[in-house]
């Protein structure tokens, strides 16, 4: 069976500088991280989201989490974002989209 390719979804995040650190929070899922630079914080956020979703899939809690946070996948970047927010492209396994779409 061929390996499935990840799908890129866009998640809205915020970032603020706190002292020497850039703190990033995903507004769609319960994920936050930090970095010494803004680009490091963004890279850490992508990795943290991927790890969070993989953990949910392994523990069979993905549907519960997606329902709790009313998450819907965005396959295109949003046009209008709140101030101090940005859209972050995150590669996710196709099963995530299948499960999110199955919820209706």
N, C-alpha and C. Protein backbone atom coordinates (compact mmCIF):
# COMPACT_ATOMS: atom_id res chain seq x y z
N UNK A 1 0.85 -1.18 0.00
CA UNK A 1 0.00 0.00 0.00
C UNK A 1 0.90 1.24 0.00
N UNK A 2 0.68 2.18 -0.92
CA UNK A 2 1.54 3.37 -0.97
C UNK A 2 1.30 4.27 0.24
N UNK A 3 2.36 4.92 0.63
CA UNK A 3 2.28 5.85 1.75
C UNK A 3 1.46 7.08 1.35
N UNK A 4 0.55 7.49 2.26
CA UNK A 4 -0.26 8.66 1.96
C UNK A 4 0.54 9.93 2.25
N UNK A 5 0.33 10.93 1.41
CA UNK A 5 1.01 12.21 1.55
C UNK A 5 0.25 13.08 2.54
N UNK A 6 0.98 13.81 3.33
CA UNK A 6 0.34 14.75 4.26
C UNK A 6 -0.39 15.83 3.49
N UNK A 7 -1.41 16.38 4.14
CA UNK A 7 -2.20 17.48 3.60
C UNK A 7 -1.86 18.72 4.43
N UNK A 8 -1.74 19.87 3.78
CA UNK A 8 -1.45 21.10 4.51
C UNK A 8 -2.75 21.77 4.91
N UNK A 9 -2.90 22.04 6.21
CA UNK A 9 -4.03 22.82 6.71
C UNK A 9 -3.48 24.09 7.32
N UNK A 10 -4.33 25.09 7.46
CA UNK A 10 -3.90 26.37 8.02
C UNK A 10 -4.57 26.58 9.37
N UNK A 11 -3.76 26.83 10.37
CA UNK A 11 -4.24 27.08 11.72
C UNK A 11 -3.92 28.51 12.13
N UNK A 12 -4.84 29.13 12.82
CA UNK A 12 -4.62 30.49 13.28
C UNK A 12 -3.88 30.46 14.61
N UNK A 13 -2.83 31.26 14.69
CA UNK A 13 -1.99 31.34 15.88
C UNK A 13 -1.77 32.80 16.26
N UNK A 14 -1.34 33.00 17.48
CA UNK A 14 -0.93 34.33 17.93
C UNK A 14 0.49 34.23 18.45
N UNK A 15 1.18 35.36 18.45
CA UNK A 15 2.54 35.39 18.97
C UNK A 15 2.75 36.71 19.69
N UNK A 16 3.41 36.62 20.82
CA UNK A 16 3.79 37.84 21.54
C UNK A 16 5.16 37.63 22.16
N UNK A 17 5.89 38.71 22.30
CA UNK A 17 7.21 38.64 22.90
C UNK A 17 7.06 38.82 24.40
N UNK A 18 7.64 37.91 25.14
CA UNK A 18 7.65 37.97 26.60
C UNK A 18 9.11 37.89 27.05
N UNK A 19 9.66 39.03 27.37
CA UNK A 19 11.08 39.06 27.72
C UNK A 19 11.92 38.70 26.52
N UNK A 20 12.78 37.70 26.68
CA UNK A 20 13.66 37.26 25.59
C UNK A 20 13.01 36.20 24.70
N UNK A 21 11.78 35.82 24.99
CA UNK A 21 11.12 34.73 24.29
C UNK A 21 9.95 35.22 23.44
N UNK A 22 9.70 34.49 22.34
CA UNK A 22 8.50 34.68 21.54
C UNK A 22 7.57 33.52 21.87
N UNK A 23 6.40 33.83 22.39
CA UNK A 23 5.44 32.81 22.80
C UNK A 23 4.34 32.73 21.75
N UNK A 24 4.09 31.53 21.26
CA UNK A 24 3.10 31.30 20.22
C UNK A 24 2.01 30.38 20.76
N UNK A 25 0.76 30.73 20.45
CA UNK A 25 -0.38 29.92 20.89
C UNK A 25 -1.28 29.65 19.69
N UNK A 26 -1.71 28.42 19.55
CA UNK A 26 -2.66 28.05 18.51
C UNK A 26 -4.06 28.34 19.05
N UNK A 27 -4.84 29.13 18.34
CA UNK A 27 -6.17 29.49 18.82
C UNK A 27 -7.20 28.42 18.47
N UNK A 28 -6.83 27.44 17.63
CA UNK A 28 -7.75 26.39 17.21
C UNK A 28 -7.62 25.11 18.05
N UNK A 29 -6.47 24.90 18.64
CA UNK A 29 -6.19 23.70 19.41
C UNK A 29 -5.41 24.07 20.67
N UNK A 30 -5.42 23.21 21.70
CA UNK A 30 -4.73 23.54 22.94
C UNK A 30 -3.22 23.30 22.86
N UNK A 31 -2.55 24.12 22.05
CA UNK A 31 -1.11 23.97 21.83
C UNK A 31 -0.45 25.34 21.96
N UNK A 32 0.63 25.39 22.70
CA UNK A 32 1.43 26.62 22.84
C UNK A 32 2.90 26.22 22.90
N UNK A 33 3.76 27.15 22.49
CA UNK A 33 5.19 26.89 22.53
C UNK A 33 5.93 28.22 22.53
N UNK A 34 7.24 28.17 22.47
CA UNK A 34 8.04 29.39 22.49
C UNK A 34 9.33 29.19 21.71
N UNK A 35 10.03 30.29 21.46
CA UNK A 35 11.31 30.24 20.79
C UNK A 35 12.08 31.51 21.06
N UNK A 36 13.38 31.47 20.84
CA UNK A 36 14.22 32.65 21.05
C UNK A 36 14.02 33.70 19.95
N UNK A 37 13.54 33.25 18.78
CA UNK A 37 13.22 34.16 17.68
C UNK A 37 11.80 33.87 17.21
N UNK A 38 11.22 34.78 16.44
CA UNK A 38 9.87 34.52 15.95
C UNK A 38 9.84 33.32 15.01
N UNK A 39 10.85 33.17 14.17
CA UNK A 39 10.87 32.02 13.26
C UNK A 39 11.06 30.71 14.01
N UNK A 40 11.85 30.72 15.07
CA UNK A 40 12.02 29.52 15.89
C UNK A 40 10.70 29.16 16.59
N UNK A 41 10.00 30.16 17.07
CA UNK A 41 8.71 29.93 17.73
C UNK A 41 7.71 29.33 16.73
N UNK A 42 7.68 29.82 15.48
CA UNK A 42 6.78 29.27 14.47
C UNK A 42 7.14 27.83 14.12
N UNK A 43 8.43 27.56 13.96
CA UNK A 43 8.87 26.19 13.66
C UNK A 43 8.52 25.26 14.83
N UNK A 44 8.71 25.73 16.05
CA UNK A 44 8.34 24.93 17.22
C UNK A 44 6.84 24.67 17.27
N UNK A 45 6.04 25.67 16.84
CA UNK A 45 4.60 25.50 16.84
C UNK A 45 4.17 24.43 15.85
N UNK A 46 4.74 24.45 14.66
CA UNK A 46 4.40 23.42 13.67
C UNK A 46 4.71 22.04 14.23
N UNK A 47 5.87 21.89 14.81
CA UNK A 47 6.27 20.60 15.39
C UNK A 47 5.35 20.21 16.55
N UNK A 48 5.01 21.16 17.40
CA UNK A 48 4.14 20.87 18.55
C UNK A 48 2.74 20.45 18.10
N UNK A 49 2.21 21.11 17.08
CA UNK A 49 0.88 20.74 16.57
C UNK A 49 0.92 19.34 15.97
N UNK A 50 1.95 19.05 15.18
CA UNK A 50 2.07 17.72 14.59
C UNK A 50 2.15 16.65 15.68
N UNK A 51 2.94 16.90 16.72
CA UNK A 51 3.08 15.94 17.81
C UNK A 51 1.76 15.77 18.56
N UNK A 52 1.05 16.88 18.79
CA UNK A 52 -0.23 16.84 19.48
C UNK A 52 -1.23 15.98 18.70
N UNK A 53 -1.35 16.23 17.40
CA UNK A 53 -2.29 15.48 16.58
C UNK A 53 -1.91 14.01 16.48
N UNK A 54 -0.63 13.72 16.32
CA UNK A 54 -0.17 12.32 16.28
C UNK A 54 -0.50 11.61 17.59
N UNK A 55 -0.31 12.29 18.70
CA UNK A 55 -0.62 11.72 20.01
C UNK A 55 -2.11 11.42 20.13
N UNK A 56 -2.95 12.35 19.65
CA UNK A 56 -4.40 12.13 19.69
C UNK A 56 -4.79 10.92 18.85
N UNK A 57 -4.18 10.78 17.69
CA UNK A 57 -4.48 9.64 16.82
C UNK A 57 -4.06 8.34 17.50
N UNK A 58 -2.87 8.30 18.07
CA UNK A 58 -2.37 7.09 18.74
C UNK A 58 -3.22 6.70 19.94
N UNK A 59 -3.72 7.70 20.68
CA UNK A 59 -4.52 7.42 21.89
C UNK A 59 -6.01 7.29 21.56
N UNK A 60 -6.34 7.39 20.27
CA UNK A 60 -7.73 7.30 19.81
C UNK A 60 -8.63 8.34 20.48
N UNK A 61 -8.11 9.55 20.64
CA UNK A 61 -8.89 10.64 21.24
C UNK A 61 -9.09 11.81 20.26
N UNK A 62 -8.72 11.61 19.01
CA UNK A 62 -8.76 12.71 18.05
C UNK A 62 -10.17 13.28 17.89
N UNK A 63 -11.17 12.42 17.70
CA UNK A 63 -12.53 12.92 17.51
C UNK A 63 -12.98 13.74 18.71
N UNK A 64 -12.70 13.25 19.89
CA UNK A 64 -13.10 13.95 21.12
C UNK A 64 -12.47 15.34 21.18
N UNK A 65 -11.20 15.42 20.86
CA UNK A 65 -10.49 16.70 20.89
C UNK A 65 -11.03 17.65 19.83
N UNK A 66 -11.22 17.14 18.61
CA UNK A 66 -11.71 17.99 17.54
C UNK A 66 -13.11 18.52 17.85
N UNK A 67 -13.95 17.68 18.42
CA UNK A 67 -15.29 18.12 18.81
C UNK A 67 -15.23 19.16 19.93
N UNK A 68 -14.40 18.91 20.91
CA UNK A 68 -14.30 19.83 22.04
C UNK A 68 -13.89 21.23 21.60
N UNK A 69 -12.96 21.31 20.67
CA UNK A 69 -12.45 22.60 20.22
C UNK A 69 -13.13 23.09 18.95
N UNK A 70 -14.17 22.37 18.50
CA UNK A 70 -14.95 22.77 17.32
C UNK A 70 -14.05 23.07 16.13
N UNK A 71 -13.04 22.23 15.96
CA UNK A 71 -12.04 22.45 14.94
C UNK A 71 -12.54 22.03 13.56
N UNK A 72 -12.29 22.85 12.60
CA UNK A 72 -12.57 22.57 11.20
C UNK A 72 -11.30 22.84 10.39
N UNK A 73 -10.94 21.91 9.51
CA UNK A 73 -9.73 22.13 8.73
C UNK A 73 -9.90 23.24 7.71
N UNK A 74 -8.87 24.06 7.55
CA UNK A 74 -8.82 25.09 6.51
C UNK A 74 -7.74 24.66 5.52
N UNK A 75 -8.15 24.50 4.27
CA UNK A 75 -7.19 24.09 3.25
C UNK A 75 -6.57 25.29 2.55
N UNK A 76 -7.08 26.48 2.84
CA UNK A 76 -6.55 27.72 2.28
C UNK A 76 -6.34 28.71 3.43
N UNK A 77 -5.37 29.59 3.31
CA UNK A 77 -5.16 30.57 4.38
C UNK A 77 -6.38 31.49 4.51
N UNK A 78 -6.77 31.83 5.73
CA UNK A 78 -7.89 32.76 5.90
C UNK A 78 -7.51 34.14 5.39
N UNK A 79 -8.51 34.85 4.89
CA UNK A 79 -8.25 36.20 4.33
C UNK A 79 -8.18 37.25 5.42
N UNK A 80 -9.08 37.19 6.38
CA UNK A 80 -9.12 38.20 7.44
C UNK A 80 -8.79 37.55 8.77
N UNK A 81 -7.75 38.04 9.39
CA UNK A 81 -7.34 37.52 10.70
C UNK A 81 -7.39 38.63 11.74
N UNK A 82 -7.66 38.27 12.98
CA UNK A 82 -7.61 39.28 14.03
C UNK A 82 -6.20 39.88 14.15
N UNK A 83 -6.12 41.06 14.71
CA UNK A 83 -4.84 41.72 14.93
C UNK A 83 -3.91 40.80 15.73
N UNK A 84 -2.64 40.80 15.39
CA UNK A 84 -1.60 40.02 16.04
C UNK A 84 -1.76 38.52 15.85
N UNK A 85 -2.55 38.11 14.86
CA UNK A 85 -2.72 36.70 14.53
C UNK A 85 -2.07 36.41 13.19
N UNK A 86 -1.74 35.16 12.96
CA UNK A 86 -1.19 34.76 11.67
C UNK A 86 -1.66 33.36 11.36
N UNK A 87 -1.63 33.01 10.10
CA UNK A 87 -2.03 31.70 9.64
C UNK A 87 -0.78 30.85 9.44
N UNK A 88 -0.78 29.68 10.02
CA UNK A 88 0.40 28.82 9.98
C UNK A 88 0.07 27.55 9.20
N UNK A 89 0.80 27.27 8.09
CA UNK A 89 0.56 26.03 7.37
C UNK A 89 1.18 24.85 8.11
N UNK A 90 0.37 23.81 8.33
CA UNK A 90 0.82 22.64 9.09
C UNK A 90 0.49 21.38 8.30
N UNK A 91 1.50 20.54 8.01
CA UNK A 91 1.21 19.28 7.32
C UNK A 91 0.59 18.29 8.30
N UNK A 92 -0.54 17.70 7.92
CA UNK A 92 -1.23 16.74 8.79
C UNK A 92 -1.53 15.48 7.99
N UNK A 93 -1.68 14.34 8.69
CA UNK A 93 -2.03 13.11 7.97
C UNK A 93 -3.43 13.20 7.39
N UNK A 94 -3.67 12.58 6.24
CA UNK A 94 -4.99 12.63 5.61
C UNK A 94 -6.12 12.12 6.52
N UNK A 95 -5.81 11.20 7.43
CA UNK A 95 -6.83 10.67 8.34
C UNK A 95 -7.47 11.78 9.17
N UNK A 96 -6.71 12.82 9.46
CA UNK A 96 -7.25 13.94 10.23
C UNK A 96 -8.39 14.62 9.47
N UNK A 97 -8.19 14.85 8.18
CA UNK A 97 -9.25 15.47 7.37
C UNK A 97 -10.43 14.53 7.22
N UNK A 98 -10.16 13.25 7.05
CA UNK A 98 -11.25 12.28 6.90
C UNK A 98 -12.10 12.26 8.16
N UNK A 99 -11.48 12.27 9.32
CA UNK A 99 -12.23 12.23 10.57
C UNK A 99 -12.97 13.54 10.83
N UNK A 100 -12.34 14.66 10.50
CA UNK A 100 -13.00 15.96 10.70
C UNK A 100 -14.20 16.08 9.77
N UNK A 101 -14.05 15.64 8.53
CA UNK A 101 -15.15 15.73 7.57
C UNK A 101 -16.27 14.74 7.89
N UNK A 102 -15.94 13.61 8.50
CA UNK A 102 -16.96 12.62 8.87
C UNK A 102 -17.89 13.16 9.96
N UNK A 103 -17.40 14.13 10.74
CA UNK A 103 -18.22 14.72 11.80
C UNK A 103 -19.28 15.64 11.21
N UNK A 104 -19.11 16.02 9.95
CA UNK A 104 -20.10 16.87 9.28
C UNK A 104 -19.80 18.26 9.45
